[in-house]
Amino acid sequence: MIKRGGENVSCIEIENIIASHPKIQDVAVIGVPDDIRDEAIKAFVVLVDGETLSEEAFFAFCEQNMAKFKVPSAVEFKQGLPRNCSGKVIKKHLQ
C-alpha cells in the first residue's frame, strides 16, 4: 500500500492497470517520499521487445484508466526488474 494524500492506494491495482497496456511486458509500482502528499507513486516499466512508449503516452494511458490520485508521478523504463528466486519483484531494490 502507498499512502498518498490521506488515501491508501493499492500497488497491485495500479500495476494491473498499467500491465494491461499492450506495449508493457512488466511493471512494478512503489511509493517514494513526497513532502506534500506523504508518498508519490513511481512506476518501473519494462516494454515488450521492439516496442517504444513515450512518457507522455504512458501518463495519458494512466490518466484515462485510473483515478487521478492513483496516476504515478514518475515513470522509469527499465530492461528488467529485480526478482528473487521465486520470481517476485524485489521492490526494495527499486528507487
C-alpha atoms as a PDB file:
ATOM      1  CA  MET A   1       0.000   0.000   0.000  1.00  0.00           C
ATOM      2  CA  ILE A   2       1.045   3.524  -0.779  1.00  0.00           C
ATOM      3  CA  LYS A   3      -0.255   6.381   1.359  1.00  0.00           C
ATOM      4  CA  ARG A   4      -0.896   9.351  -0.905  1.00  0.00           C
ATOM      5  CA  GLY A   5      -2.573  12.487   0.373  1.00  0.00           C
ATOM      6  CA  GLY A   6      -4.508  10.601   3.046  1.00  0.00           C
ATOM      7  CA  GLU A   7      -5.651   7.885   0.615  1.00  0.00           C
ATOM      8  CA  ASN A   8      -4.396   4.303   0.717  1.00  0.00           C
ATOM      9  CA  VAL A   9      -3.538   3.248  -2.822  1.00  0.00           C
ATOM     10  CA  SER A  10      -3.055  -0.388  -3.817  1.00  0.00           C
ATOM     11  CA  CYS A  11       0.178  -1.068  -5.713  1.00  0.00           C
ATOM     12  CA  ILE A  12      -1.353  -4.206  -7.206  1.00  0.00           C
ATOM     13  CA  GLU A  13      -4.350  -2.316  -8.585  1.00  0.00           C
ATOM     14  CA  ILE A  14      -2.121   0.250 -10.302  1.00  0.00           C
ATOM     15  CA  GLU A  15       0.249  -2.445 -11.575  1.00  0.00           C
ATOM     16  CA  ASN A  16      -2.654  -4.415 -13.069  1.00  0.00           C
ATOM     17  CA  ILE A  17      -3.985  -1.384 -14.920  1.00  0.00           C
ATOM     18  CA  ILE A  18      -0.548  -0.456 -16.277  1.00  0.00           C
ATOM     19  CA  ALA A  19       0.152  -4.092 -17.236  1.00  0.00           C
ATOM     20  CA  SER A  20      -2.964  -4.055 -19.421  1.00  0.00           C
ATOM     21  CA  HIS A  21      -1.188  -1.730 -21.879  1.00  0.00           C
ATOM     22  CA  PRO A  22      -0.262  -3.827 -24.942  1.00  0.00           C
ATOM     23  CA  LYS A  23       3.278  -2.403 -25.139  1.00  0.00           C
ATOM     24  CA  ILE A  24       4.106  -3.143 -21.493  1.00  0.00           C
ATOM     25  CA  GLN A  25       5.575  -6.519 -20.546  1.00  0.00           C
ATOM     26  CA  ASP A  26       6.219  -5.986 -16.832  1.00  0.00           C
ATOM     27  CA  VAL A  27       5.644  -3.311 -14.199  1.00  0.00           C
ATOM     28  CA  ALA A  28       6.297  -2.585 -10.541  1.00  0.00           C
ATOM     29  CA  VAL A  29       4.979   0.367  -8.548  1.00  0.00           C
ATOM     30  CA  ILE A  30       6.444   1.767  -5.334  1.00  0.00           C
ATOM     31  CA  GLY A  31       5.874   4.707  -3.034  1.00  0.00           C
ATOM     32  CA  VAL A  32       8.651   7.280  -2.817  1.00  0.00           C
ATOM     33  CA  PRO A  33       8.866  10.095  -0.249  1.00  0.00           C
ATOM     34  CA  ASP A  34       6.866  13.216  -1.110  1.00  0.00           C
ATOM     35  CA  ASP A  35       6.817  16.277   1.147  1.00  0.00           C
ATOM     36  CA  ILE A  36       3.333  17.286   0.018  1.00  0.00           C
ATOM     37  CA  ARG A  37       1.380  14.002  -0.289  1.00  0.00           C
ATOM     38  CA  ASP A  38       3.153  11.554   2.082  1.00  0.00           C
ATOM     39  CA  GLU A  39       4.254   9.339  -0.813  1.00  0.00           C
ATOM     40  CA  ALA A  40       4.419   9.776  -4.563  1.00  0.00           C
ATOM     41  CA  ILE A  41       3.793   6.857  -6.883  1.00  0.00           C
ATOM     42  CA  LYS A  42       6.662   5.735  -9.110  1.00  0.00           C
ATOM     43  CA  ALA A  43       6.278   3.102 -11.820  1.00  0.00           C
ATOM     44  CA  PHE A  44       9.073   0.946 -13.203  1.00  0.00           C
ATOM     45  CA  VAL A  45       8.115  -0.324 -16.637  1.00  0.00           C
ATOM     46  CA  VAL A  46       9.587  -2.992 -18.921  1.00  0.00           C
ATOM     47  CA  LEU A  47       8.399  -2.714 -22.507  1.00  0.00           C
ATOM     48  CA  VAL A  48       7.693  -5.597 -24.865  1.00  0.00           C
ATOM     49  CA  ASP A  49      10.783  -6.254 -27.011  1.00  0.00           C
ATOM     50  CA  GLY A  50      10.881  -3.928 -30.001  1.00  0.00           C
ATOM     51  CA  GLU A  51       8.203  -1.567 -28.666  1.00  0.00           C
ATOM     52  CA  THR A  52       8.572   2.078 -27.712  1.00  0.00           C
ATOM     53  CA  LEU A  53       6.391   4.187 -25.456  1.00  0.00           C
ATOM     54  CA  SER A  54       6.924   7.837 -24.585  1.00  0.00           C
ATOM     55  CA  GLU A  55       6.448   9.159 -21.066  1.00  0.00           C
ATOM     56  CA  GLU A  56       3.630  11.337 -22.400  1.00  0.00           C
ATOM     57  CA  ALA A  57       1.809   8.320 -23.866  1.00  0.00           C
ATOM     58  CA  PHE A  58       2.352   6.371 -20.642  1.00  0.00           C
ATOM     59  CA  PHE A  59       0.858   9.125 -18.476  1.00  0.00           C
ATOM     60  CA  ALA A  60      -2.026   9.652 -20.933  1.00  0.00           C
ATOM     61  CA  PHE A  61      -2.867   5.930 -20.676  1.00  0.00           C
ATOM     62  CA  CYS A  62      -2.774   6.105 -16.871  1.00  0.00           C
ATOM     63  CA  GLU A  63      -4.960   9.223 -16.764  1.00  0.00           C
ATOM     64  CA  GLN A  64      -7.554   7.535 -18.997  1.00  0.00           C
ATOM     65  CA  ASN A  65      -7.675   4.326 -16.975  1.00  0.00           C
ATOM     66  CA  MET A  66      -7.390   5.249 -13.298  1.00  0.00           C
ATOM     67  CA  ALA A  67      -8.439   7.881 -10.791  1.00  0.00           C
ATOM     68  CA  LYS A  68      -6.250  10.977 -10.775  1.00  0.00           C
ATOM     69  CA  PHE A  69      -4.804  10.293  -7.303  1.00  0.00           C
ATOM     70  CA  LYS A  70      -3.637   6.848  -8.499  1.00  0.00           C
ATOM     71  CA  VAL A  71      -1.711   8.102 -11.540  1.00  0.00           C
ATOM     72  CA  PRO A  72       2.052   7.702 -10.994  1.00  0.00           C
ATOM     73  CA  SER A  73       4.087  10.882 -10.538  1.00  0.00           C
ATOM     74  CA  ALA A  74       7.116   9.342 -12.226  1.00  0.00           C
ATOM     75  CA  VAL A  75       7.984   6.504 -14.575  1.00  0.00           C
ATOM     76  CA  GLU A  76      11.294   4.800 -15.242  1.00  0.00           C
ATOM     77  CA  PHE A  77      11.699   2.498 -18.222  1.00  0.00           C
ATOM     78  CA  LYS A  78      13.959  -0.482 -17.479  1.00  0.00           C
ATOM     79  CA  GLN A  79      15.306  -3.539 -19.286  1.00  0.00           C
ATOM     80  CA  GLY A  80      14.121  -5.826 -16.477  1.00  0.00           C
ATOM     81  CA  LEU A  81      13.001  -5.860 -12.854  1.00  0.00           C
ATOM     82  CA  PRO A  82      14.982  -7.404  -9.963  1.00  0.00           C
ATOM     83  CA  ARG A  83      13.395 -10.667  -8.842  1.00  0.00           C
ATOM     84  CA  ASN A  84      14.029 -13.193  -6.093  1.00  0.00           C
ATOM     85  CA  CYS A  85      14.323 -16.947  -6.664  1.00  0.00           C
ATOM     86  CA  SER A  86      10.536 -17.371  -6.522  1.00  0.00           C
ATOM     87  CA  GLY A  87      10.014 -14.726  -9.213  1.00  0.00           C
ATOM     88  CA  LYS A  88       8.662 -11.916  -7.026  1.00  0.00           C
ATOM     89  CA  VAL A  89       9.874  -8.379  -7.746  1.00  0.00           C
ATOM     90  CA  ILE A  90      12.317  -7.140  -5.092  1.00  0.00           C
ATOM     91  CA  LYS A  91      10.822  -3.677  -4.656  1.00  0.00           C
ATOM     92  CA  LYS A  92      13.408  -2.548  -2.105  1.00  0.00           C
ATOM     93  CA  HIS A  93      15.979  -2.665  -4.941  1.00  0.00           C
ATOM     94  CA  LEU A  94      13.933  -0.128  -6.907  1.00  0.00           C
ATOM     95  CA  GLN A  95      14.224   3.591  -6.219  1.00  0.00           C
END
